[in-house]
Amino acid sequence: MHYKEAKSILSANNGMNIYRGCTHGCIYCDSRSKCYNMEHDFEDIQVKINAPELLENALRRKRKKCMIGTGAMCDPYMHIEVELGHTRKCLEIVDRYGFGLSIQTKSDRILRDLDLLKSINSKSKCVVQMTLTTYDEDLCEIIEPKVSTTRERYEALKIMRDNGIPTVVWLDPILPLINDTEENLKGILGYCIDAKVLGIICFGMGLTLREGNREYFYEKLDAHFPGLKKTYHKKYGYSYELKSDNNEKLWEIFHDTCEKRGIVHNNGEIFKYLHTYEEAVATEQTTMFELFKIE
């Protein structure tokens, strides 16, 4: 861990990264890619020490309220958050100034800040996004070794549900020859149905690999799935997109299930919802979402 004085905190789309790097150890993480120009080891977390001050200054100057996003690149609830509380400080500022929040994580540490999430949601809108990758808990410990288990994330989603906080699940990634099975997909969808998630973001049954994360991923394949790297090399080479052979079948199951259960599964609709600020929130997630559907 090391500290840095940042010059700014919000992107043009009002997203923020409080930290850079991650200690969750997910074997497929795109944020390891060299294109993001990280100048330090991925596990050597860069802490933007002045993030709360920068955020407060930015929100104070804004003429119109908006949704503030975090978690797209680096998880706001990685291990050091327990000690530093940087994410919580930023959520307090979002709450104080009456802005909305769209927050993405793989950790049930987010439950520590349930009081703030509820407060933000009562004034504007707070959407919790949670990634679910594998229904198999043993496999979860291999491909996502230092993060909350899938079951723990599912329990966190239910707590959000019970507190009226809308949730969106990222079904991503589906690793060919590892978790690209009907059993895995149906298990995750079952969790989503039970937790009454508002929507599920999915870009297809597969994963993407770029320089940086590709090498790390293959290293972990060698360690945990002997012989599979050779199969990947032969099948995909150095392709960016690695689509599962089961893509069409799984895609059909995904869309059919979402349609039957009333779960929004159009990525464009979901992203529009995540970026739309509201002064007040309806009591039912599905009713609330209908206000923002793309025609």
C-alpha atoms as a PDB file:
ATOM      1  CA  MET A   1       0.000   0.000   0.000  1.00  0.00           C
ATOM      2  CA  HIS A   2       1.202   3.485  -0.790  1.00  0.00           C
ATOM      3  CA  TYR A   3      -0.322   6.951  -0.799  1.00  0.00           C
ATOM      4  CA  LYS A   4      -0.746   9.504  -3.547  1.00  0.00           C
ATOM      5  CA  GLU A   5      -2.036  13.067  -3.636  1.00  0.00           C
ATOM      6  CA  ALA A   6      -4.473  13.018  -6.537  1.00  0.00           C
ATOM      7  CA  LYS A   7      -5.260  16.078  -8.661  1.00  0.00           C
ATOM      8  CA  SER A   8      -8.879  15.139  -9.300  1.00  0.00           C
ATOM      9  CA  ILE A   9     -11.341  12.422  -8.306  1.00  0.00           C
ATOM     10  CA  LEU A  10     -14.343  12.482 -10.661  1.00  0.00           C
ATOM     11  CA  SER A  11     -14.256  11.432 -14.298  1.00  0.00           C
ATOM     12  CA  ALA A  12     -16.304  13.126 -17.014  1.00  0.00           C
ATOM     13  CA  ASN A  13     -19.078  10.613 -16.266  1.00  0.00           C
ATOM     14  CA  ASN A  14     -18.878  11.253 -12.506  1.00  0.00           C
ATOM     15  CA  GLY A  15     -17.130   7.992 -11.708  1.00  0.00           C
ATOM     16  CA  MET A  16     -14.370   7.768  -9.128  1.00  0.00           C
ATOM     17  CA  ASN A  17     -11.612   5.368  -8.127  1.00  0.00           C
ATOM     18  CA  ILE A  18     -10.676   5.836  -4.504  1.00  0.00           C
ATOM     19  CA  TYR A  19      -8.015   3.152  -4.799  1.00  0.00           C
ATOM     20  CA  ARG A  20      -5.924   1.772  -7.668  1.00  0.00           C
ATOM     21  CA  GLY A  21      -5.086  -1.914  -7.725  1.00  0.00           C
ATOM     22  CA  CYS A  22      -6.789  -4.718  -5.829  1.00  0.00           C
ATOM     23  CA  THR A  23      -6.078  -7.535  -3.393  1.00  0.00           C
ATOM     24  CA  HIS A  24      -9.032  -9.796  -4.213  1.00  0.00           C
ATOM     25  CA  GLY A  25      -6.911 -11.966  -6.491  1.00  0.00           C
ATOM     26  CA  CYS A  26      -9.541 -12.776  -9.144  1.00  0.00           C
ATOM     27  CA  ILE A  27      -7.690 -14.726 -11.831  1.00  0.00           C
ATOM     28  CA  TYR A  28      -9.470 -13.034 -14.750  1.00  0.00           C
ATOM     29  CA  CYS A  29      -9.337  -9.367 -13.669  1.00  0.00           C
ATOM     30  CA  ASP A  30      -9.308  -6.976 -16.634  1.00  0.00           C
ATOM     31  CA  SER A  31      -8.004  -4.147 -14.440  1.00  0.00           C
ATOM     32  CA  ARG A  32      -4.561  -5.801 -14.618  1.00  0.00           C
ATOM     33  CA  SER A  33      -4.396  -4.938 -18.318  1.00  0.00           C
ATOM     34  CA  LYS A  34      -1.453  -2.786 -19.360  1.00  0.00           C
ATOM     35  CA  CYS A  35      -3.710  -0.373 -21.236  1.00  0.00           C
ATOM     36  CA  TYR A  36      -4.707   1.187 -17.902  1.00  0.00           C
ATOM     37  CA  ASN A  37      -1.104   2.363 -17.381  1.00  0.00           C
ATOM     38  CA  MET A  38      -0.790   1.366 -13.747  1.00  0.00           C
ATOM     39  CA  GLU A  39       2.666   2.390 -12.585  1.00  0.00           C
ATOM     40  CA  HIS A  40       2.877   0.036  -9.607  1.00  0.00           C
ATOM     41  CA  ASP A  41       2.315  -3.624  -8.790  1.00  0.00           C
ATOM     42  CA  PHE A  42      -1.378  -4.465  -8.913  1.00  0.00           C
ATOM     43  CA  GLU A  43      -1.439  -5.705  -5.305  1.00  0.00           C
ATOM     44  CA  ASP A  44       0.474  -2.642  -4.069  1.00  0.00           C
ATOM     45  CA  ILE A  45      -2.647  -0.566  -3.574  1.00  0.00           C
ATOM     46  CA  GLN A  46      -2.440   3.102  -4.382  1.00  0.00           C
ATOM     47  CA  VAL A  47      -4.533   5.101  -1.950  1.00  0.00           C
ATOM     48  CA  LYS A  48      -5.712   8.493  -3.121  1.00  0.00           C
ATOM     49  CA  ILE A  49      -5.197  10.002   0.280  1.00  0.00           C
ATOM     50  CA  ASN A  50      -7.027  13.233  -0.514  1.00  0.00           C
ATOM     51  CA  ALA A  51     -10.007  11.552  -2.244  1.00  0.00           C
ATOM     52  CA  PRO A  52     -12.614  12.709   0.315  1.00  0.00           C
ATOM     53  CA  GLU A  53     -11.462  16.323   0.125  1.00  0.00           C
ATOM     54  CA  LEU A  54     -11.421  16.260  -3.672  1.00  0.00           C
ATOM     55  CA  LEU A  55     -14.884  14.732  -3.775  1.00  0.00           C
ATOM     56  CA  GLU A  56     -16.341  17.294  -1.407  1.00  0.00           C
ATOM     57  CA  ASN A  57     -14.883  20.145  -3.429  1.00  0.00           C
ATOM     58  CA  ALA A  58     -16.241  18.642  -6.659  1.00  0.00           C
ATOM     59  CA  LEU A  59     -19.753  18.089  -5.317  1.00  0.00           C
ATOM     60  CA  ARG A  60     -19.891  21.521  -3.742  1.00  0.00           C
ATOM     61  CA  ARG A  61     -19.218  23.083  -7.154  1.00  0.00           C
ATOM     62  CA  LYS A  62     -21.757  21.064  -9.124  1.00  0.00           C
ATOM     63  CA  ARG A  63     -24.823  22.996 -10.223  1.00  0.00           C
ATOM     64  CA  LYS A  64     -26.973  19.894 -10.781  1.00  0.00           C
ATOM     65  CA  LYS A  65     -27.234  16.712  -8.741  1.00  0.00           C
ATOM     66  CA  CYS A  66     -26.196  13.480 -10.441  1.00  0.00           C
ATOM     67  CA  MET A  67     -25.280   9.870  -9.798  1.00  0.00           C
ATOM     68  CA  ILE A  68     -21.772   9.276  -8.447  1.00  0.00           C
ATOM     69  CA  GLY A  69     -20.280   5.939  -9.440  1.00  0.00           C
ATOM     70  CA  THR A  70     -17.483   3.857  -7.974  1.00  0.00           C
ATOM     71  CA  GLY A  71     -16.169   0.312  -8.259  1.00  0.00           C
ATOM     72  CA  ALA A  72     -15.920  -0.060 -12.028  1.00  0.00           C
ATOM     73  CA  MET A  73     -12.129  -0.385 -12.022  1.00  0.00           C
ATOM     74  CA  CYS A  74     -11.052  -1.107  -8.448  1.00  0.00           C
ATOM     75  CA  ASP A  75     -13.245  -2.561  -5.721  1.00  0.00           C
ATOM     76  CA  PRO A  76     -14.119   0.054  -3.078  1.00  0.00           C
ATOM     77  CA  TYR A  77     -14.332  -2.677  -0.418  1.00  0.00           C
ATOM     78  CA  MET A  78     -10.993  -4.428  -0.738  1.00  0.00           C
ATOM     79  CA  HIS A  79      -9.156  -5.417   2.422  1.00  0.00           C
ATOM     80  CA  ILE A  80      -7.514  -2.088   3.277  1.00  0.00           C
ATOM     81  CA  GLU A  81     -10.910  -0.363   3.374  1.00  0.00           C
ATOM     82  CA  VAL A  82     -11.487  -1.999   6.777  1.00  0.00           C
ATOM     83  CA  GLU A  83      -8.524  -0.069   8.177  1.00  0.00           C
ATOM     84  CA  LEU A  84      -8.715   3.163   6.176  1.00  0.00           C
ATOM     85  CA  GLY A  85     -12.449   3.732   5.746  1.00  0.00           C
ATOM     86  CA  HIS A  86     -11.839   5.855   2.653  1.00  0.00           C
ATOM     87  CA  THR A  87     -14.918   4.560   0.851  1.00  0.00           C
ATOM     88  CA  ARG A  88     -17.101   5.283   3.850  1.00  0.00           C
ATOM     89  CA  LYS A  89     -15.787   8.844   4.065  1.00  0.00           C
ATOM     90  CA  CYS A  90     -16.697   9.396   0.416  1.00  0.00           C
ATOM     91  CA  LEU A  91     -20.170   7.898   0.902  1.00  0.00           C
ATOM     92  CA  GLU A  92     -20.740  10.275   3.814  1.00  0.00           C
ATOM     93  CA  ILE A  93     -19.985  13.173   1.479  1.00  0.00           C
ATOM     94  CA  VAL A  94     -22.301  11.848  -1.246  1.00  0.00           C
ATOM     95  CA  ASP A  95     -25.014  11.520   1.384  1.00  0.00           C
ATOM     96  CA  ARG A  96     -24.401  14.964   2.887  1.00  0.00           C
ATOM     97  CA  TYR A  97     -24.698  16.721  -0.467  1.00  0.00           C
ATOM     98  CA  GLY A  98     -27.738  14.749  -1.611  1.00  0.00           C
ATOM     99  CA  PHE A  99     -26.231  13.056  -4.660  1.00  0.00           C
ATOM    100  CA  GLY A 100     -27.136   9.595  -5.917  1.00  0.00           C
ATOM    101  CA  LEU A 101     -24.818   6.593  -5.792  1.00  0.00           C
ATOM    102  CA  SER A 102     -24.053   3.659  -8.058  1.00  0.00           C
ATOM    103  CA  ILE A 103     -21.552   1.380  -6.328  1.00  0.00           C
ATOM    104  CA  GLN A 104     -20.063  -1.898  -7.567  1.00  0.00           C
ATOM    105  CA  THR A 105     -18.321  -4.548  -5.461  1.00  0.00           C
ATOM    106  CA  LYS A 106     -17.670  -8.248  -4.915  1.00  0.00           C
ATOM    107  CA  SER A 107     -17.457  -7.909  -1.151  1.00  0.00           C
ATOM    108  CA  ASP A 108     -20.034  -8.183   1.593  1.00  0.00           C
ATOM    109  CA  ARG A 109     -17.986  -5.568   3.471  1.00  0.00           C
ATOM    110  CA  ILE A 110     -20.429  -3.173   1.849  1.00  0.00           C
ATOM    111  CA  LEU A 111     -22.873  -4.160   4.611  1.00  0.00           C
ATOM    112  CA  ARG A 112     -20.799  -2.091   7.030  1.00  0.00           C
ATOM    113  CA  ASP A 113     -22.108   0.991   5.232  1.00  0.00           C
ATOM    114  CA  LEU A 114     -25.736  -0.080   5.035  1.00  0.00           C
ATOM    115  CA  ASP A 115     -26.765   2.930   7.106  1.00  0.00           C
ATOM    116  CA  LEU A 116     -25.281   5.313   4.524  1.00  0.00           C
ATOM    117  CA  LEU A 117     -26.673   3.390   1.562  1.00  0.00           C
ATOM    118  CA  LYS A 118     -30.150   3.594   3.087  1.00  0.00           C
ATOM    119  CA  SER A 119     -29.755   7.289   3.789  1.00  0.00           C
ATOM    120  CA  ILE A 120     -28.610   8.054   0.237  1.00  0.00           C
ATOM    121  CA  ASN A 121     -31.445   5.947  -1.156  1.00  0.00           C
ATOM    122  CA  SER A 122     -34.005   7.801   0.944  1.00  0.00           C
ATOM    123  CA  LYS A 123     -32.965  11.149  -0.532  1.00  0.00           C
ATOM    124  CA  SER A 124     -32.105  10.240  -4.104  1.00  0.00           C
ATOM    125  CA  LYS A 125     -31.128   6.813  -5.430  1.00  0.00           C
ATOM    126  CA  CYS A 126     -28.553   4.249  -4.366  1.00  0.00           C
ATOM    127  CA  VAL A 127     -27.935   1.223  -6.581  1.00  0.00           C
ATOM    128  CA  VAL A 128     -25.698  -1.613  -5.384  1.00  0.00           C
ATOM    129  CA  GLN A 129     -24.048  -3.656  -8.117  1.00  0.00           C
ATOM    130  CA  MET A 130     -22.643  -7.070  -7.258  1.00  0.00           C
ATOM    131  CA  THR A 131     -20.648  -9.409  -9.501  1.00  0.00           C
ATOM    132  CA  LEU A 132     -21.615 -13.095  -9.440  1.00  0.00           C
ATOM    133  CA  THR A 133     -19.385 -15.437 -11.407  1.00  0.00           C
ATOM    134  CA  THR A 134     -19.766 -18.986 -10.161  1.00  0.00           C
ATOM    135  CA  TYR A 135     -22.418 -20.870  -8.204  1.00  0.00           C
ATOM    136  CA  ASP A 136     -19.852 -23.485  -7.146  1.00  0.00           C
ATOM    137  CA  GLU A 137     -18.301 -22.333  -3.855  1.00  0.00           C
ATOM    138  CA  ASP A 138     -15.194 -24.505  -4.261  1.00  0.00           C
ATOM    139  CA  LEU A 139     -14.581 -23.044  -7.710  1.00  0.00           C
ATOM    140  CA  CYS A 140     -15.177 -19.550  -6.315  1.00  0.00           C
ATOM    141  CA  GLU A 141     -12.262 -20.027  -3.916  1.00  0.00           C
ATOM    142  CA  ILE A 142     -10.012 -20.798  -6.893  1.00  0.00           C
ATOM    143  CA  ILE A 143     -10.989 -18.098  -9.362  1.00  0.00           C
ATOM    144  CA  GLU A 144     -11.847 -15.399  -6.774  1.00  0.00           C
ATOM    145  CA  PRO A 145      -9.648 -16.461  -3.841  1.00  0.00           C
ATOM    146  CA  LYS A 146      -9.615 -13.407  -1.576  1.00  0.00           C
ATOM    147  CA  VAL A 147     -13.112 -12.017  -1.932  1.00  0.00           C
ATOM    148  CA  SER A 148     -16.484 -12.800  -0.396  1.00  0.00           C
ATOM    149  CA  THR A 149     -17.875 -16.114  -1.558  1.00  0.00           C
ATOM    150  CA  THR A 150     -20.759 -16.181  -3.990  1.00  0.00           C
ATOM    151  CA  ARG A 151     -23.052 -17.257  -1.170  1.00  0.00           C
ATOM    152  CA  GLU A 152     -21.949 -14.305   0.966  1.00  0.00           C
ATOM    153  CA  ARG A 153     -22.597 -11.917  -1.913  1.00  0.00           C
ATOM    154  CA  TYR A 154     -26.023 -13.451  -2.420  1.00  0.00           C
ATOM    155  CA  GLU A 155     -26.800 -12.919   1.267  1.00  0.00           C
ATOM    156  CA  ALA A 156     -25.706  -9.279   0.911  1.00  0.00           C
ATOM    157  CA  LEU A 157     -28.052  -8.864  -2.054  1.00  0.00           C
ATOM    158  CA  LYS A 158     -30.940 -10.154   0.045  1.00  0.00           C
ATOM    159  CA  ILE A 159     -30.134  -7.682   2.797  1.00  0.00           C
ATOM    160  CA  MET A 160     -30.194  -4.878   0.232  1.00  0.00           C
ATOM    161  CA  ARG A 161     -33.543  -6.201  -0.985  1.00  0.00           C
ATOM    162  CA  ASP A 162     -34.952  -6.206   2.527  1.00  0.00           C
ATOM    163  CA  ASN A 163     -33.841  -2.602   2.988  1.00  0.00           C
ATOM    164  CA  GLY A 164     -35.373  -1.339  -0.246  1.00  0.00           C
ATOM    165  CA  ILE A 165     -32.053  -0.739  -2.001  1.00  0.00           C
ATOM    166  CA  PRO A 166     -32.147  -1.616  -5.718  1.00  0.00           C
ATOM    167  CA  THR A 167     -29.551  -4.086  -6.936  1.00  0.00           C
ATOM    168  CA  VAL A 168     -27.966  -5.040 -10.241  1.00  0.00           C
ATOM    169  CA  VAL A 169     -25.880  -8.171 -10.821  1.00  0.00           C
ATOM    170  CA  TRP A 170     -22.962  -8.448 -13.227  1.00  0.00           C
ATOM    171  CA  LEU A 171     -22.953 -11.993 -14.614  1.00  0.00           C
ATOM    172  CA  ASP A 172     -19.340 -11.923 -15.623  1.00  0.00           C
ATOM    173  CA  PRO A 173     -17.123 -13.545 -16.696  1.00  0.00           C
ATOM    174  CA  ILE A 174     -18.136 -16.992 -17.888  1.00  0.00           C
ATOM    175  CA  LEU A 175     -14.857 -18.882 -18.307  1.00  0.00           C
ATOM    176  CA  PRO A 176     -14.853 -21.437 -21.140  1.00  0.00           C
ATOM    177  CA  LEU A 177     -14.410 -25.019 -19.910  1.00  0.00           C
ATOM    178  CA  ILE A 178     -14.540 -23.836 -16.285  1.00  0.00           C
ATOM    179  CA  ASN A 179     -17.915 -22.340 -15.349  1.00  0.00           C
ATOM    180  CA  ASP A 180     -19.750 -22.268 -18.694  1.00  0.00           C
ATOM    181  CA  THR A 181     -22.356 -24.830 -17.635  1.00  0.00           C
ATOM    182  CA  GLU A 182     -26.130 -24.828 -17.335  1.00  0.00           C
ATOM    183  CA  GLU A 183     -25.811 -25.754 -13.673  1.00  0.00           C
ATOM    184  CA  ASN A 184     -23.680 -22.707 -12.951  1.00  0.00           C
ATOM    185  CA  LEU A 185     -25.904 -20.319 -14.883  1.00  0.00           C
ATOM    186  CA  LYS A 186     -29.136 -21.608 -13.378  1.00  0.00           C
ATOM    187  CA  GLY A 187     -27.642 -21.471  -9.884  1.00  0.00           C
ATOM    188  CA  ILE A 188     -26.665 -17.808 -10.264  1.00  0.00           C
ATOM    189  CA  LEU A 189     -30.009 -16.934 -11.827  1.00  0.00           C
ATOM    190  CA  GLY A 190     -31.733 -18.640  -8.903  1.00  0.00           C
ATOM    191  CA  TYR A 191     -29.845 -16.373  -6.510  1.00  0.00           C
ATOM    192  CA  CYS A 192     -30.840 -13.325  -8.580  1.00  0.00           C
ATOM    193  CA  ILE A 193     -34.486 -14.334  -8.604  1.00  0.00           C
ATOM    194  CA  ASP A 194     -34.562 -14.937  -4.864  1.00  0.00           C
ATOM    195  CA  ALA A 195     -32.783 -11.650  -4.125  1.00  0.00           C
ATOM    196  CA  LYS A 196     -35.207  -9.849  -6.469  1.00  0.00           C
ATOM    197  CA  VAL A 197     -32.458  -8.056  -8.338  1.00  0.00           C
ATOM    198  CA  LEU A 198     -33.613  -5.285 -10.617  1.00  0.00           C
ATOM    199  CA  GLY A 199     -31.422  -6.232 -13.566  1.00  0.00           C
ATOM    200  CA  ILE A 200     -28.558  -8.427 -14.743  1.00  0.00           C
ATOM    201  CA  ILE A 201     -25.735  -7.101 -16.909  1.00  0.00           C
ATOM    202  CA  CYS A 202     -24.196  -9.714 -19.190  1.00  0.00           C
ATOM    203  CA  PHE A 203     -22.131  -9.291 -22.346  1.00  0.00           C
ATOM    204  CA  GLY A 204     -22.189 -12.920 -23.417  1.00  0.00           C
ATOM    205  CA  MET A 205     -20.930 -16.252 -22.203  1.00  0.00           C
ATOM    206  CA  GLY A 206     -17.182 -15.858 -22.257  1.00  0.00           C
ATOM    207  CA  LEU A 207     -14.414 -13.522 -21.157  1.00  0.00           C
ATOM    208  CA  THR A 208     -11.993 -10.988 -22.585  1.00  0.00           C
ATOM    209  CA  LEU A 209      -8.214 -11.036 -22.275  1.00  0.00           C
ATOM    210  CA  ARG A 210      -5.750  -8.243 -22.933  1.00  0.00           C
ATOM    211  CA  GLU A 211      -2.038  -7.864 -22.446  1.00  0.00           C
ATOM    212  CA  GLY A 212      -1.399  -7.910 -18.724  1.00  0.00           C
ATOM    213  CA  ASN A 213      -4.447  -9.800 -17.533  1.00  0.00           C
ATOM    214  CA  ARG A 214      -3.926 -12.539 -20.169  1.00  0.00           C
ATOM    215  CA  GLU A 215      -0.535 -13.522 -18.751  1.00  0.00           C
ATOM    216  CA  TYR A 216      -1.839 -13.583 -15.187  1.00  0.00           C
ATOM    217  CA  PHE A 217      -4.878 -15.625 -16.187  1.00  0.00           C
ATOM    218  CA  TYR A 218      -2.782 -18.237 -17.988  1.00  0.00           C
ATOM    219  CA  GLU A 219      -0.398 -18.439 -15.054  1.00  0.00           C
ATOM    220  CA  LYS A 220      -3.336 -19.268 -12.789  1.00  0.00           C
ATOM    221  CA  LEU A 221      -4.716 -21.799 -15.275  1.00  0.00           C
ATOM    222  CA  ASP A 222      -1.391 -23.636 -15.051  1.00  0.00           C
ATOM    223  CA  ALA A 223      -1.570 -23.579 -11.259  1.00  0.00           C
ATOM    224  CA  HIS A 224      -5.175 -24.703 -10.836  1.00  0.00           C
ATOM    225  CA  PHE A 225      -6.285 -26.353 -14.096  1.00  0.00           C
ATOM    226  CA  PRO A 226      -3.302 -28.319 -15.469  1.00  0.00           C
ATOM    227  CA  GLY A 227      -3.357 -28.621 -19.248  1.00  0.00           C
ATOM    228  CA  LEU A 228      -6.123 -26.074 -19.773  1.00  0.00           C
ATOM    229  CA  LYS A 229      -3.787 -23.291 -20.878  1.00  0.00           C
ATOM    230  CA  LYS A 230      -2.697 -25.423 -23.833  1.00  0.00           C
ATOM    231  CA  THR A 231      -6.338 -25.941 -24.795  1.00  0.00           C
ATOM    232  CA  TYR A 232      -7.003 -22.198 -24.566  1.00  0.00           C
ATOM    233  CA  HIS A 233      -3.951 -21.382 -26.686  1.00  0.00           C
ATOM    234  CA  LYS A 234      -5.002 -23.844 -29.354  1.00  0.00           C
ATOM    235  CA  LYS A 235      -8.627 -22.714 -29.388  1.00  0.00           C
ATOM    236  CA  TYR A 236      -8.333 -18.952 -28.920  1.00  0.00           C
ATOM    237  CA  GLY A 237      -4.721 -17.979 -29.569  1.00  0.00           C
ATOM    238  CA  TYR A 238      -4.336 -14.342 -28.522  1.00  0.00           C
ATOM    239  CA  SER A 239      -7.921 -13.328 -29.215  1.00  0.00           C
ATOM    240  CA  TYR A 240      -9.434 -10.519 -27.184  1.00  0.00           C
ATOM    241  CA  GLU A 241     -12.814 -12.209 -26.901  1.00  0.00           C
ATOM    242  CA  LEU A 242     -12.997 -15.831 -25.776  1.00  0.00           C
ATOM    243  CA  LYS A 243     -16.517 -17.064 -26.327  1.00  0.00           C
ATOM    244  CA  SER A 244     -17.784 -20.297 -24.799  1.00  0.00           C
ATOM    245  CA  ASP A 245     -18.887 -23.069 -27.131  1.00  0.00           C
ATOM    246  CA  ASN A 246     -22.036 -23.107 -25.001  1.00  0.00           C
ATOM    247  CA  ASN A 247     -22.735 -19.423 -25.633  1.00  0.00           C
ATOM    248  CA  GLU A 248     -25.933 -19.787 -27.670  1.00  0.00           C
ATOM    249  CA  LYS A 249     -27.511 -22.343 -25.359  1.00  0.00           C
ATOM    250  CA  LEU A 250     -26.628 -20.452 -22.178  1.00  0.00           C
ATOM    251  CA  TRP A 251     -27.609 -17.111 -23.723  1.00  0.00           C
ATOM    252  CA  GLU A 252     -31.056 -18.506 -24.508  1.00  0.00           C
ATOM    253  CA  ILE A 253     -31.487 -19.784 -20.948  1.00  0.00           C
ATOM    254  CA  PHE A 254     -30.375 -16.417 -19.582  1.00  0.00           C
ATOM    255  CA  HIS A 255     -32.773 -14.336 -21.664  1.00  0.00           C
ATOM    256  CA  ASP A 256     -35.715 -16.710 -21.271  1.00  0.00           C
ATOM    257  CA  THR A 257     -35.319 -16.809 -17.490  1.00  0.00           C
ATOM    258  CA  CYS A 258     -35.022 -13.041 -17.191  1.00  0.00           C
ATOM    259  CA  GLU A 259     -38.081 -12.523 -19.373  1.00  0.00           C
ATOM    260  CA  LYS A 260     -40.182 -14.947 -17.337  1.00  0.00           C
ATOM    261  CA  ARG A 261     -39.056 -13.461 -14.021  1.00  0.00           C
ATOM    262  CA  GLY A 262     -39.290  -9.802 -14.970  1.00  0.00           C
ATOM    263  CA  ILE A 263     -35.563  -9.149 -14.591  1.00  0.00           C
ATOM    264  CA  VAL A 264     -34.242  -6.419 -16.865  1.00  0.00           C
ATOM    265  CA  HIS A 265     -31.499  -7.821 -19.086  1.00  0.00           C
ATOM    266  CA  ASN A 266     -31.006  -5.135 -21.691  1.00  0.00           C
ATOM    267  CA  ASN A 267     -27.618  -3.614 -20.878  1.00  0.00           C
ATOM    268  CA  GLY A 268     -28.523  -0.270 -22.402  1.00  0.00           C
ATOM    269  CA  GLU A 269     -31.608   0.071 -20.222  1.00  0.00           C
ATOM    270  CA  ILE A 270     -29.652  -0.832 -17.108  1.00  0.00           C
ATOM    271  CA  PHE A 271     -26.816   1.599 -17.798  1.00  0.00           C
ATOM    272  CA  LYS A 272     -29.301   4.384 -18.460  1.00  0.00           C
ATOM    273  CA  TYR A 273     -30.917   3.635 -15.106  1.00  0.00           C
ATOM    274  CA  LEU A 274     -27.568   3.601 -13.296  1.00  0.00           C
ATOM    275  CA  HIS A 275     -26.714   7.051 -14.637  1.00  0.00           C
ATOM    276  CA  THR A 276     -30.119   8.678 -14.085  1.00  0.00           C
ATOM    277  CA  TYR A 277     -30.384  10.797 -10.952  1.00  0.00           C
ATOM    278  CA  GLU A 278     -33.658  10.792  -9.018  1.00  0.00           C
ATOM    279  CA  GLU A 279     -34.867  12.986  -6.205  1.00  0.00           C
ATOM    280  CA  ALA A 280     -37.018  10.247  -4.732  1.00  0.00           C
ATOM    281  CA  VAL A 281     -37.253   6.488  -5.081  1.00  0.00           C
ATOM    282  CA  ALA A 282     -40.349   4.360  -5.577  1.00  0.00           C
ATOM    283  CA  THR A 283     -40.920   1.573  -3.085  1.00  0.00           C
ATOM    284  CA  GLU A 284     -40.759  -1.229  -5.628  1.00  0.00           C
ATOM    285  CA  GLN A 285     -37.624  -1.716  -7.711  1.00  0.00           C
ATOM    286  CA  THR A 286     -39.500  -2.895 -10.779  1.00  0.00           C
ATOM    287  CA  THR A 287     -41.861   0.075 -10.672  1.00  0.00           C
ATOM    288  CA  MET A 288     -38.939   2.437 -10.282  1.00  0.00           C
ATOM    289  CA  PHE A 289     -37.078   0.924 -13.203  1.00  0.00           C
ATOM    290  CA  GLU A 290     -40.024   1.265 -15.552  1.00  0.00           C
ATOM    291  CA  LEU A 291     -39.547   5.035 -15.437  1.00  0.00           C
ATOM    292  CA  PHE A 292     -36.251   4.696 -17.287  1.00  0.00           C
ATOM    293  CA  LYS A 293     -36.809   2.006 -19.874  1.00  0.00           C
ATOM    294  CA  ILE A 294     -35.570   2.747 -23.345  1.00  0.00           C
ATOM    295  CA  GLU A 295     -38.324   2.670 -25.919  1.00  0.00           C
END
